[in-house]
Amino acid sequence: MSPSALQLVLGEEELLVERAVEAIVAEARANDPATELRRLRAAETTPADLVESLSPSLFAEGRVVVLLGAHEAGKDLTAAVLAADDLADGMVLVLQHPGGARNKTLVDELRKADAALTTCDRITRYDERAEFVRGEARRAGGRIAQAAVGVLLEAVGSDLRELAAATSQLVADTGGNVDEPAVRRYYRGRAESSGFAVADRAVAGDRGGALEALRWAQQLGVPSVLIADALADAVRTLARVGAAGRGDPNRLAGTLGMPPWKIRKAQQQVRHWSPETLSAAFAVAAEVNADVKGAAADVDYALERAVLQICAARARG
């Protein structure tokens, strides 16, 4: 079955956009293996270029024409796109638009023209990234345990390309079943030296462990801003979970916008904190965030002092 002749790939998540285009091309080549792929950039394409690219070849091979950055199309090119509503057999026009207000008229008109729509919205929430990792494991022919997802996100970060590569590699190396020990084994250095590792030990009052994790993070080049942000996030999480009470983490997840495992861990930790000590930790987190953004002469010392102060607040809790 051939893909729809007019396609709109809408969104700015680059990996998803690339995969959407690849899927359209694969569908076209399944119908005609000789299908050609042409990529044009809207800012550099004239209406004549578009018309020529969409014209059938002498031997009538199929062609997928991808117009990148359609939001940059000028008035004349936009008109040419909208006029291309009766494409020859085997011709497919794919418009890639990041969304937003710029040249939104083109998007609206393409919707009215019943263009096949693929959305590639940027993934920003934790639960969306977690679902992406689970999907990548399935895509690679395996599965990943829930606890392993959280560890992988902390170790690798939020970049989808890195997450996709890491998940695929883990599935391949573990025989298809990725558990938490496997992630920690493969990403030990990164998992144990992240800002989250520092913050987790600090709010737990593990003075020695927090300082060790901090020094590892500094030696491996974890940005100071990320460590300070992790400290602030850890304290903020304790405060939000503490205010929510001892409810079921699975029920609280939607309200608090956190994964259940993170709520469960915070519920255990917050028992050792009082409103007064949490307030003190908040002040420390705010100060160190200012320090790492230019207020302190020695950023490493400022981070070490913040870790020690948070540990001391926990001890008073």
C-alpha atoms as a PDB file:
ATOM      1  CA  MET A   1       0.000   0.000   0.000  1.00  0.00           C
ATOM      2  CA  SER A   2       1.372   3.421  -0.973  1.00  0.00           C
ATOM      3  CA  PRO A   3       1.617   6.234   1.601  1.00  0.00           C
ATOM      4  CA  SER A   4      -0.681   9.259   1.287  1.00  0.00           C
ATOM      5  CA  ALA A   5       0.604  11.648  -1.356  1.00  0.00           C
ATOM      6  CA  LEU A   6       0.538  14.628   1.036  1.00  0.00           C
ATOM      7  CA  GLN A   7       2.181  14.234   4.452  1.00  0.00           C
ATOM      8  CA  LEU A   8       2.635  16.652   7.355  1.00  0.00           C
ATOM      9  CA  VAL A   9       5.256  15.855   9.996  1.00  0.00           C
ATOM     10  CA  LEU A  10       4.558  18.323  12.781  1.00  0.00           C
ATOM     11  CA  GLY A  11       6.798  18.884  15.799  1.00  0.00           C
ATOM     12  CA  GLU A  12      10.376  19.624  16.824  1.00  0.00           C
ATOM     13  CA  GLU A  13      11.613  16.389  18.411  1.00  0.00           C
ATOM     14  CA  GLU A  14      14.348  15.668  15.875  1.00  0.00           C
ATOM     15  CA  LEU A  15      14.690  11.930  16.427  1.00  0.00           C
ATOM     16  CA  LEU A  16      10.936  11.398  16.071  1.00  0.00           C
ATOM     17  CA  VAL A  17      10.848  13.606  12.973  1.00  0.00           C
ATOM     18  CA  GLU A  18      13.626  11.562  11.359  1.00  0.00           C
ATOM     19  CA  ARG A  19      11.854   8.323  12.175  1.00  0.00           C
ATOM     20  CA  ALA A  20       8.565   9.637  10.785  1.00  0.00           C
ATOM     21  CA  VAL A  21      10.247  10.490   7.473  1.00  0.00           C
ATOM     22  CA  GLU A  22      12.044   7.131   7.420  1.00  0.00           C
ATOM     23  CA  ALA A  23       8.707   5.342   7.934  1.00  0.00           C
ATOM     24  CA  ILE A  24       7.108   7.219   5.024  1.00  0.00           C
ATOM     25  CA  VAL A  25      10.051   6.412   2.748  1.00  0.00           C
ATOM     26  CA  ALA A  26      10.002   2.756   3.829  1.00  0.00           C
ATOM     27  CA  GLU A  27       6.293   2.537   3.063  1.00  0.00           C
ATOM     28  CA  ALA A  28       6.834   4.051  -0.379  1.00  0.00           C
ATOM     29  CA  ARG A  29       9.743   1.700  -1.149  1.00  0.00           C
ATOM     30  CA  ALA A  30       7.724  -1.300  -0.035  1.00  0.00           C
ATOM     31  CA  ASN A  31       5.391  -0.419  -2.898  1.00  0.00           C
ATOM     32  CA  ASP A  32       8.160   0.657  -5.320  1.00  0.00           C
ATOM     33  CA  PRO A  33      11.750  -0.281  -4.350  1.00  0.00           C
ATOM     34  CA  ALA A  34      13.117   2.252  -6.842  1.00  0.00           C
ATOM     35  CA  THR A  35      11.518   5.198  -5.018  1.00  0.00           C
ATOM     36  CA  GLU A  36      13.913   8.151  -4.822  1.00  0.00           C
ATOM     37  CA  LEU A  37      14.275  10.375  -1.760  1.00  0.00           C
ATOM     38  CA  ARG A  38      14.893  14.109  -2.164  1.00  0.00           C
ATOM     39  CA  ARG A  39      15.352  16.522   0.710  1.00  0.00           C
ATOM     40  CA  LEU A  40      14.805  20.242   0.145  1.00  0.00           C
ATOM     41  CA  ARG A  41      15.178  23.068   2.648  1.00  0.00           C
ATOM     42  CA  ALA A  42      12.334  25.545   2.471  1.00  0.00           C
ATOM     43  CA  ALA A  43      14.554  28.573   3.021  1.00  0.00           C
ATOM     44  CA  GLU A  44      16.646  27.606  -0.025  1.00  0.00           C
ATOM     45  CA  THR A  45      13.896  26.280  -2.338  1.00  0.00           C
ATOM     46  CA  THR A  46      12.039  28.185  -5.053  1.00  0.00           C
ATOM     47  CA  PRO A  47       8.574  27.290  -6.352  1.00  0.00           C
ATOM     48  CA  ALA A  48      10.239  26.128  -9.583  1.00  0.00           C
ATOM     49  CA  ASP A  49      12.528  23.798  -7.599  1.00  0.00           C
ATOM     50  CA  LEU A  50       9.507  22.247  -5.900  1.00  0.00           C
ATOM     51  CA  VAL A  51       7.577  21.803  -9.134  1.00  0.00           C
ATOM     52  CA  GLU A  52      10.608  20.181 -10.790  1.00  0.00           C
ATOM     53  CA  SER A  53      11.112  17.809  -7.838  1.00  0.00           C
ATOM     54  CA  LEU A  54       7.467  16.717  -7.964  1.00  0.00           C
ATOM     55  CA  SER A  55       7.461  16.158 -11.726  1.00  0.00           C
ATOM     56  CA  PRO A  56       7.413  12.481 -12.817  1.00  0.00           C
ATOM     57  CA  SER A  57      10.652  11.125 -14.241  1.00  0.00           C
ATOM     58  CA  LEU A  58      10.976   9.621 -17.689  1.00  0.00           C
ATOM     59  CA  PHE A  59      10.712   6.098 -16.313  1.00  0.00           C
ATOM     60  CA  ALA A  60       7.988   6.980 -13.768  1.00  0.00           C
ATOM     61  CA  GLU A  61       9.886   5.927 -10.668  1.00  0.00           C
ATOM     62  CA  GLY A  62       8.349   6.947  -7.376  1.00  0.00           C
ATOM     63  CA  ARG A  63       9.752   9.831  -5.397  1.00  0.00           C
ATOM     64  CA  VAL A  64       9.434  11.131  -1.840  1.00  0.00           C
ATOM     65  CA  VAL A  65      10.151  14.865  -1.603  1.00  0.00           C
ATOM     66  CA  VAL A  66      10.764  16.121   1.925  1.00  0.00           C
ATOM     67  CA  LEU A  67      10.508  19.874   2.448  1.00  0.00           C
ATOM     68  CA  LEU A  68      12.459  20.590   5.637  1.00  0.00           C
ATOM     69  CA  GLY A  69      11.747  23.638   7.783  1.00  0.00           C
ATOM     70  CA  ALA A  70       8.406  24.376   6.133  1.00  0.00           C
ATOM     71  CA  HIS A  71       7.881  27.232   8.603  1.00  0.00           C
ATOM     72  CA  GLU A  72      10.600  29.100   6.634  1.00  0.00           C
ATOM     73  CA  ALA A  73       8.705  28.875   3.336  1.00  0.00           C
ATOM     74  CA  GLY A  74       7.990  32.276   1.783  1.00  0.00           C
ATOM     75  CA  LYS A  75       4.653  33.326   0.362  1.00  0.00           C
ATOM     76  CA  ASP A  76       5.362  32.035  -3.148  1.00  0.00           C
ATOM     77  CA  LEU A  77       6.666  28.678  -2.007  1.00  0.00           C
ATOM     78  CA  THR A  78       3.727  28.264   0.384  1.00  0.00           C
ATOM     79  CA  ALA A  79       1.372  28.887  -2.531  1.00  0.00           C
ATOM     80  CA  ALA A  80       3.255  26.310  -4.613  1.00  0.00           C
ATOM     81  CA  VAL A  81       2.955  23.732  -1.822  1.00  0.00           C
ATOM     82  CA  LEU A  82      -0.772  24.285  -1.496  1.00  0.00           C
ATOM     83  CA  ALA A  83      -1.178  24.062  -5.265  1.00  0.00           C
ATOM     84  CA  ALA A  84       0.476  20.627  -5.309  1.00  0.00           C
ATOM     85  CA  ASP A  85      -2.758  18.817  -4.465  1.00  0.00           C
ATOM     86  CA  ASP A  86      -2.908  16.524  -7.490  1.00  0.00           C
ATOM     87  CA  LEU A  87       0.408  14.680  -7.466  1.00  0.00           C
ATOM     88  CA  ALA A  88       1.285  12.026 -10.016  1.00  0.00           C
ATOM     89  CA  ASP A  89       1.169   8.393  -8.947  1.00  0.00           C
ATOM     90  CA  GLY A  90       4.169   7.471  -6.836  1.00  0.00           C
ATOM     91  CA  MET A  91       4.901  11.067  -5.815  1.00  0.00           C
ATOM     92  CA  VAL A  92       4.803  11.892  -2.103  1.00  0.00           C
ATOM     93  CA  LEU A  93       5.311  15.371  -0.643  1.00  0.00           C
ATOM     94  CA  VAL A  94       6.328  15.501   3.033  1.00  0.00           C
ATOM     95  CA  LEU A  95       6.214  18.849   4.828  1.00  0.00           C
ATOM     96  CA  GLN A  96       8.271  19.067   8.023  1.00  0.00           C
ATOM     97  CA  HIS A  97       7.065  21.893  10.268  1.00  0.00           C
ATOM     98  CA  PRO A  98       8.260  22.349  13.886  1.00  0.00           C
ATOM     99  CA  GLY A  99       4.959  23.809  15.030  1.00  0.00           C
ATOM    100  CA  GLY A 100       4.468  27.235  16.537  1.00  0.00           C
ATOM    101  CA  ALA A 101       3.038  30.382  15.041  1.00  0.00           C
ATOM    102  CA  ARG A 102       5.458  30.903  12.155  1.00  0.00           C
ATOM    103  CA  ASN A 103       3.705  30.019   8.875  1.00  0.00           C
ATOM    104  CA  LYS A 104       0.901  28.350  10.805  1.00  0.00           C
ATOM    105  CA  THR A 105      -1.365  29.118   7.848  1.00  0.00           C
ATOM    106  CA  LEU A 106       0.439  26.422   5.876  1.00  0.00           C
ATOM    107  CA  VAL A 107      -0.222  23.876   8.616  1.00  0.00           C
ATOM    108  CA  ASP A 108      -3.883  24.849   8.825  1.00  0.00           C
ATOM    109  CA  GLU A 109      -4.330  24.565   5.064  1.00  0.00           C
ATOM    110  CA  LEU A 110      -2.590  21.191   4.958  1.00  0.00           C
ATOM    111  CA  ARG A 111      -4.926  19.932   7.667  1.00  0.00           C
ATOM    112  CA  LYS A 112      -7.905  21.120   5.621  1.00  0.00           C
ATOM    113  CA  ALA A 113      -6.453  19.293   2.617  1.00  0.00           C
ATOM    114  CA  ASP A 114      -6.483  16.066   4.698  1.00  0.00           C
ATOM    115  CA  ALA A 115      -2.719  15.650   4.685  1.00  0.00           C
ATOM    116  CA  ALA A 116      -1.642  12.579   6.627  1.00  0.00           C
ATOM    117  CA  LEU A 117      -0.438  13.912   9.987  1.00  0.00           C
ATOM    118  CA  THR A 118       2.391  12.619  12.166  1.00  0.00           C
ATOM    119  CA  THR A 119       3.027  14.559  15.389  1.00  0.00           C
ATOM    120  CA  CYS A 120       6.533  14.667  16.851  1.00  0.00           C
ATOM    121  CA  ASP A 121       6.098  16.878  19.920  1.00  0.00           C
ATOM    122  CA  ARG A 122       9.113  17.451  22.124  1.00  0.00           C
ATOM    123  CA  ILE A 123       9.284  15.030  25.038  1.00  0.00           C
ATOM    124  CA  THR A 124       9.798  16.988  28.251  1.00  0.00           C
ATOM    125  CA  ARG A 125       8.027  15.185  31.108  1.00  0.00           C
ATOM    126  CA  TYR A 126       9.640  12.376  33.059  1.00  0.00           C
ATOM    127  CA  ASP A 127       6.758   9.988  32.453  1.00  0.00           C
ATOM    128  CA  GLU A 128       6.973  10.649  28.692  1.00  0.00           C
ATOM    129  CA  ARG A 129      10.703   9.855  28.671  1.00  0.00           C
ATOM    130  CA  ALA A 130      10.056   6.715  30.721  1.00  0.00           C
ATOM    131  CA  GLU A 131       7.417   5.583  28.228  1.00  0.00           C
ATOM    132  CA  PHE A 132       9.837   6.340  25.384  1.00  0.00           C
ATOM    133  CA  VAL A 133      12.460   4.058  26.987  1.00  0.00           C
ATOM    134  CA  ARG A 134       9.906   1.262  27.417  1.00  0.00           C
ATOM    135  CA  GLY A 135       8.897   1.718  23.786  1.00  0.00           C
ATOM    136  CA  GLU A 136      12.531   1.581  22.665  1.00  0.00           C
ATOM    137  CA  ALA A 137      13.003  -1.685  24.540  1.00  0.00           C
ATOM    138  CA  ARG A 138       9.967  -3.151  22.749  1.00  0.00           C
ATOM    139  CA  ARG A 139      11.248  -1.765  19.443  1.00  0.00           C
ATOM    140  CA  ALA A 140      14.526  -3.611  20.030  1.00  0.00           C
ATOM    141  CA  GLY A 141      12.663  -6.836  20.813  1.00  0.00           C
ATOM    142  CA  GLY A 142      13.004  -6.819  24.595  1.00  0.00           C
ATOM    143  CA  ARG A 143      11.584  -5.373  27.778  1.00  0.00           C
ATOM    144  CA  ILE A 144      12.911  -3.183  30.596  1.00  0.00           C
ATOM    145  CA  ALA A 145      11.905  -3.314  34.258  1.00  0.00           C
ATOM    146  CA  GLN A 146      10.329  -0.227  35.795  1.00  0.00           C
ATOM    147  CA  ALA A 147      13.125   0.237  38.324  1.00  0.00           C
ATOM    148  CA  ALA A 148      15.678  -0.032  35.522  1.00  0.00           C
ATOM    149  CA  VAL A 149      13.957   2.774  33.597  1.00  0.00           C
ATOM    150  CA  GLY A 150      14.541   5.252  36.438  1.00  0.00           C
ATOM    151  CA  VAL A 151      18.196   4.289  36.807  1.00  0.00           C
ATOM    152  CA  LEU A 152      18.763   4.552  33.052  1.00  0.00           C
ATOM    153  CA  LEU A 153      17.195   8.019  32.895  1.00  0.00           C
ATOM    154  CA  GLU A 154      19.404   9.214  35.745  1.00  0.00           C
ATOM    155  CA  ALA A 155      22.519   7.699  34.164  1.00  0.00           C
ATOM    156  CA  VAL A 156      21.980   8.745  30.544  1.00  0.00           C
ATOM    157  CA  GLY A 157      19.890  11.909  30.821  1.00  0.00           C
ATOM    158  CA  SER A 158      17.072  13.250  28.687  1.00  0.00           C
ATOM    159  CA  ASP A 159      18.572  13.197  25.170  1.00  0.00           C
ATOM    160  CA  LEU A 160      16.374  10.840  23.114  1.00  0.00           C
ATOM    161  CA  ARG A 161      19.164   9.717  20.820  1.00  0.00           C
ATOM    162  CA  GLU A 162      21.326   8.678  23.757  1.00  0.00           C
ATOM    163  CA  LEU A 163      18.394   6.991  25.463  1.00  0.00           C
ATOM    164  CA  ALA A 164      17.475   5.108  22.290  1.00  0.00           C
ATOM    165  CA  ALA A 165      21.068   3.940  21.752  1.00  0.00           C
ATOM    166  CA  ALA A 166      21.512   2.960  25.404  1.00  0.00           C
ATOM    167  CA  THR A 167      18.249   1.028  25.545  1.00  0.00           C
ATOM    168  CA  SER A 168      18.953  -0.817  22.297  1.00  0.00           C
ATOM    169  CA  GLN A 169      22.445  -1.746  23.489  1.00  0.00           C
ATOM    170  CA  LEU A 170      21.157  -2.972  26.850  1.00  0.00           C
ATOM    171  CA  VAL A 171      18.502  -5.140  25.187  1.00  0.00           C
ATOM    172  CA  ALA A 172      21.145  -6.646  22.906  1.00  0.00           C
ATOM    173  CA  ASP A 173      23.632  -7.272  25.717  1.00  0.00           C
ATOM    174  CA  THR A 174      21.168  -8.729  28.232  1.00  0.00           C
ATOM    175  CA  GLY A 175      19.309 -11.094  25.963  1.00  0.00           C
ATOM    176  CA  GLY A 176      16.200  -8.924  25.943  1.00  0.00           C
ATOM    177  CA  ASN A 177      15.372  -8.556  29.652  1.00  0.00           C
ATOM    178  CA  VAL A 178      16.851  -5.371  31.106  1.00  0.00           C
ATOM    179  CA  ASP A 179      16.739  -5.117  34.894  1.00  0.00           C
ATOM    180  CA  GLU A 180      18.105  -2.567  37.356  1.00  0.00           C
ATOM    181  CA  PRO A 181      21.371  -4.445  38.121  1.00  0.00           C
ATOM    182  CA  ALA A 182      22.116  -4.605  34.391  1.00  0.00           C
ATOM    183  CA  VAL A 183      21.741  -0.847  33.998  1.00  0.00           C
ATOM    184  CA  ARG A 184      23.893  -0.152  37.028  1.00  0.00           C
ATOM    185  CA  ARG A 185      26.517  -2.590  35.766  1.00  0.00           C
ATOM    186  CA  TYR A 186      26.721  -1.034  32.304  1.00  0.00           C
ATOM    187  CA  TYR A 187      26.432   2.589  33.395  1.00  0.00           C
ATOM    188  CA  ARG A 188      28.062   2.412  36.800  1.00  0.00           C
ATOM    189  CA  GLY A 189      30.323   5.447  36.318  1.00  0.00           C
ATOM    190  CA  ARG A 190      27.599   7.737  35.060  1.00  0.00           C
ATOM    191  CA  ALA A 191      24.875   6.531  37.424  1.00  0.00           C
ATOM    192  CA  GLU A 192      27.039   6.863  40.494  1.00  0.00           C
ATOM    193  CA  SER A 193      28.473  10.265  39.562  1.00  0.00           C
ATOM    194  CA  SER A 194      25.381  12.174  38.481  1.00  0.00           C
ATOM    195  CA  GLY A 195      23.976  15.180  40.263  1.00  0.00           C
ATOM    196  CA  PHE A 196      21.045  13.009  41.307  1.00  0.00           C
ATOM    197  CA  ALA A 197      23.397  10.600  43.088  1.00  0.00           C
ATOM    198  CA  VAL A 198      24.887  13.506  45.041  1.00  0.00           C
ATOM    199  CA  ALA A 199      21.471  14.887  45.958  1.00  0.00           C
ATOM    200  CA  ASP A 200      20.052  11.489  46.903  1.00  0.00           C
ATOM    201  CA  ARG A 201      22.832  10.866  49.399  1.00  0.00           C
ATOM    202  CA  ALA A 202      22.708  14.413  50.749  1.00  0.00           C
ATOM    203  CA  VAL A 203      18.983  14.366  51.603  1.00  0.00           C
ATOM    204  CA  ALA A 204      19.487  10.915  53.120  1.00  0.00           C
ATOM    205  CA  GLY A 205      22.104  12.399  55.452  1.00  0.00           C
ATOM    206  CA  ASP A 206      24.898  10.202  54.060  1.00  0.00           C
ATOM    207  CA  ARG A 207      27.700  12.726  54.535  1.00  0.00           C
ATOM    208  CA  GLY A 208      30.549  10.522  53.317  1.00  0.00           C
ATOM    209  CA  GLY A 209      28.595   9.070  50.402  1.00  0.00           C
ATOM    210  CA  ALA A 210      27.407  12.486  49.273  1.00  0.00           C
ATOM    211  CA  LEU A 211      30.920  13.955  49.308  1.00  0.00           C
ATOM    212  CA  GLU A 212      32.310  10.933  47.462  1.00  0.00           C
ATOM    213  CA  ALA A 213      29.582  11.189  44.799  1.00  0.00           C
ATOM    214  CA  LEU A 214      30.230  14.933  44.504  1.00  0.00           C
ATOM    215  CA  ARG A 215      33.946  14.423  43.923  1.00  0.00           C
ATOM    216  CA  TRP A 216      33.285  11.729  41.322  1.00  0.00           C
ATOM    217  CA  ALA A 217      30.854  14.013  39.547  1.00  0.00           C
ATOM    218  CA  GLN A 218      33.338  16.890  39.559  1.00  0.00           C
ATOM    219  CA  GLN A 219      36.177  14.695  38.279  1.00  0.00           C
ATOM    220  CA  LEU A 220      34.017  13.354  35.452  1.00  0.00           C
ATOM    221  CA  GLY A 221      32.936  16.840  34.417  1.00  0.00           C
ATOM    222  CA  VAL A 222      29.287  16.899  35.472  1.00  0.00           C
ATOM    223  CA  PRO A 223      28.323  20.602  35.176  1.00  0.00           C
ATOM    224  CA  SER A 224      28.065  22.378  38.534  1.00  0.00           C
ATOM    225  CA  VAL A 225      24.706  23.839  37.545  1.00  0.00           C
ATOM    226  CA  LEU A 226      23.266  20.338  37.120  1.00  0.00           C
ATOM    227  CA  ILE A 227      24.485  19.267  40.552  1.00  0.00           C
ATOM    228  CA  ALA A 228      22.976  22.369  42.155  1.00  0.00           C
ATOM    229  CA  ASP A 229      19.718  21.808  40.270  1.00  0.00           C
ATOM    230  CA  ALA A 230      19.628  18.195  41.490  1.00  0.00           C
ATOM    231  CA  LEU A 231      20.050  19.347  45.103  1.00  0.00           C
ATOM    232  CA  ALA A 232      17.197  21.816  44.695  1.00  0.00           C
ATOM    233  CA  ASP A 233      15.009  19.190  43.024  1.00  0.00           C
ATOM    234  CA  ALA A 234      15.644  16.687  45.816  1.00  0.00           C
ATOM    235  CA  VAL A 235      14.644  19.169  48.528  1.00  0.00           C
ATOM    236  CA  ARG A 236      11.628  20.336  46.519  1.00  0.00           C
ATOM    237  CA  THR A 237      10.525  16.730  46.027  1.00  0.00           C
ATOM    238  CA  LEU A 238      10.668  16.062  49.773  1.00  0.00           C
ATOM    239  CA  ALA A 239       8.566  19.141  50.471  1.00  0.00           C
ATOM    240  CA  ARG A 240       5.915  18.296  47.845  1.00  0.00           C
ATOM    241  CA  VAL A 241       5.648  14.644  48.843  1.00  0.00           C
ATOM    242  CA  GLY A 242       5.587  15.529  52.534  1.00  0.00           C
ATOM    243  CA  ALA A 243       2.740  17.988  51.961  1.00  0.00           C
ATOM    244  CA  ALA A 244       0.791  15.348  50.001  1.00  0.00           C
ATOM    245  CA  GLY A 245       0.756  12.943  52.939  1.00  0.00           C
ATOM    246  CA  ARG A 246       1.137   9.178  53.026  1.00  0.00           C
ATOM    247  CA  GLY A 247      -1.086   8.315  50.081  1.00  0.00           C
ATOM    248  CA  ASP A 248      -0.608   5.547  47.556  1.00  0.00           C
ATOM    249  CA  PRO A 249       2.371   6.547  45.326  1.00  0.00           C
ATOM    250  CA  ASN A 250       0.555   5.218  42.259  1.00  0.00           C
ATOM    251  CA  ARG A 251      -2.414   7.488  42.947  1.00  0.00           C
ATOM    252  CA  LEU A 252      -0.239  10.492  43.835  1.00  0.00           C
ATOM    253  CA  ALA A 253       1.880  10.150  40.672  1.00  0.00           C
ATOM    254  CA  GLY A 254      -0.604  11.966  38.459  1.00  0.00           C
ATOM    255  CA  THR A 255      -1.213  14.769  40.961  1.00  0.00           C
ATOM    256  CA  LEU A 256       2.456  15.397  41.732  1.00  0.00           C
ATOM    257  CA  GLY A 257       3.765  14.739  38.219  1.00  0.00           C
ATOM    258  CA  MET A 258       6.372  12.263  39.505  1.00  0.00           C
ATOM    259  CA  PRO A 259       6.936   8.544  38.929  1.00  0.00           C
ATOM    260  CA  PRO A 260       5.632   6.310  41.765  1.00  0.00           C
ATOM    261  CA  TRP A 261       9.111   5.032  42.648  1.00  0.00           C
ATOM    262  CA  LYS A 262      10.327   8.570  43.250  1.00  0.00           C
ATOM    263  CA  ILE A 263       7.338   9.343  45.486  1.00  0.00           C
ATOM    264  CA  ARG A 264       7.845   6.111  47.411  1.00  0.00           C
ATOM    265  CA  LYS A 265      11.494   6.928  48.048  1.00  0.00           C
ATOM    266  CA  ALA A 266      10.664  10.504  49.118  1.00  0.00           C
ATOM    267  CA  GLN A 267       7.966   9.245  51.499  1.00  0.00           C
ATOM    268  CA  GLN A 268      10.594   7.182  53.280  1.00  0.00           C
ATOM    269  CA  GLN A 269      13.114  10.028  53.355  1.00  0.00           C
ATOM    270  CA  VAL A 270      10.793  12.846  54.455  1.00  0.00           C
ATOM    271  CA  ARG A 271      10.022  11.119  57.759  1.00  0.00           C
ATOM    272  CA  HIS A 272      13.461  12.259  58.921  1.00  0.00           C
ATOM    273  CA  TRP A 273      12.804  15.892  58.061  1.00  0.00           C
ATOM    274  CA  SER A 274      10.811  18.586  59.850  1.00  0.00           C
ATOM    275  CA  PRO A 275       9.299  21.753  58.314  1.00  0.00           C
ATOM    276  CA  GLU A 276      12.113  23.756  59.919  1.00  0.00           C
ATOM    277  CA  THR A 277      14.946  21.603  58.565  1.00  0.00           C
ATOM    278  CA  LEU A 278      13.332  21.491  55.115  1.00  0.00           C
ATOM    279  CA  SER A 279      13.147  25.274  55.173  1.00  0.00           C
ATOM    280  CA  ALA A 280      16.848  25.414  56.017  1.00  0.00           C
ATOM    281  CA  ALA A 281      17.641  23.019  53.150  1.00  0.00           C
ATOM    282  CA  PHE A 282      15.602  25.179  50.764  1.00  0.00           C
ATOM    283  CA  ALA A 283      17.714  28.184  51.729  1.00  0.00           C
ATOM    284  CA  VAL A 284      20.920  26.213  51.118  1.00  0.00           C
ATOM    285  CA  ALA A 285      19.683  25.029  47.706  1.00  0.00           C
ATOM    286  CA  ALA A 286      18.765  28.565  46.683  1.00  0.00           C
ATOM    287  CA  GLU A 287      22.148  29.896  47.769  1.00  0.00           C
ATOM    288  CA  VAL A 288      24.166  27.236  45.951  1.00  0.00           C
ATOM    289  CA  ASN A 289      22.136  27.751  42.771  1.00  0.00           C
ATOM    290  CA  ALA A 290      23.157  31.407  42.875  1.00  0.00           C
ATOM    291  CA  ASP A 291      26.743  30.410  43.691  1.00  0.00           C
ATOM    292  CA  VAL A 292      27.173  28.152  40.650  1.00  0.00           C
ATOM    293  CA  LYS A 293      25.749  30.839  38.370  1.00  0.00           C
ATOM    294  CA  GLY A 294      28.406  33.361  39.275  1.00  0.00           C
ATOM    295  CA  ALA A 295      27.938  34.427  42.883  1.00  0.00           C
ATOM    296  CA  ALA A 296      30.738  32.262  44.287  1.00  0.00           C
ATOM    297  CA  ALA A 297      34.452  32.632  43.648  1.00  0.00           C
ATOM    298  CA  ASP A 298      35.011  28.881  44.172  1.00  0.00           C
ATOM    299  CA  VAL A 299      32.133  26.829  42.782  1.00  0.00           C
ATOM    300  CA  ASP A 300      33.521  23.456  43.941  1.00  0.00           C
ATOM    301  CA  TYR A 301      33.787  24.723  47.505  1.00  0.00           C
ATOM    302  CA  ALA A 302      30.266  26.149  47.317  1.00  0.00           C
ATOM    303  CA  LEU A 303      28.869  22.776  46.265  1.00  0.00           C
ATOM    304  CA  GLU A 304      30.762  20.935  48.996  1.00  0.00           C
ATOM    305  CA  ARG A 305      29.518  23.411  51.611  1.00  0.00           C
ATOM    306  CA  ALA A 306      25.941  23.014  50.370  1.00  0.00           C
ATOM    307  CA  VAL A 307      26.148  19.216  50.571  1.00  0.00           C
ATOM    308  CA  LEU A 308      27.493  19.399  54.130  1.00  0.00           C
ATOM    309  CA  GLN A 309      24.797  21.890  55.174  1.00  0.00           C
ATOM    310  CA  ILE A 310      22.003  19.727  53.756  1.00  0.00           C
ATOM    311  CA  CYS A 311      23.421  16.673  55.520  1.00  0.00           C
ATOM    312  CA  ALA A 312      23.573  18.665  58.764  1.00  0.00           C
ATOM    313  CA  ALA A 313      19.945  19.774  58.360  1.00  0.00           C
ATOM    314  CA  ARG A 314      18.926  16.151  57.851  1.00  0.00           C
ATOM    315  CA  ALA A 315      20.759  15.194  61.054  1.00  0.00           C
ATOM    316  CA  ARG A 316      18.717  17.811  62.970  1.00  0.00           C
ATOM    317  CA  GLY A 317      15.434  16.556  61.495  1.00  0.00           C
END
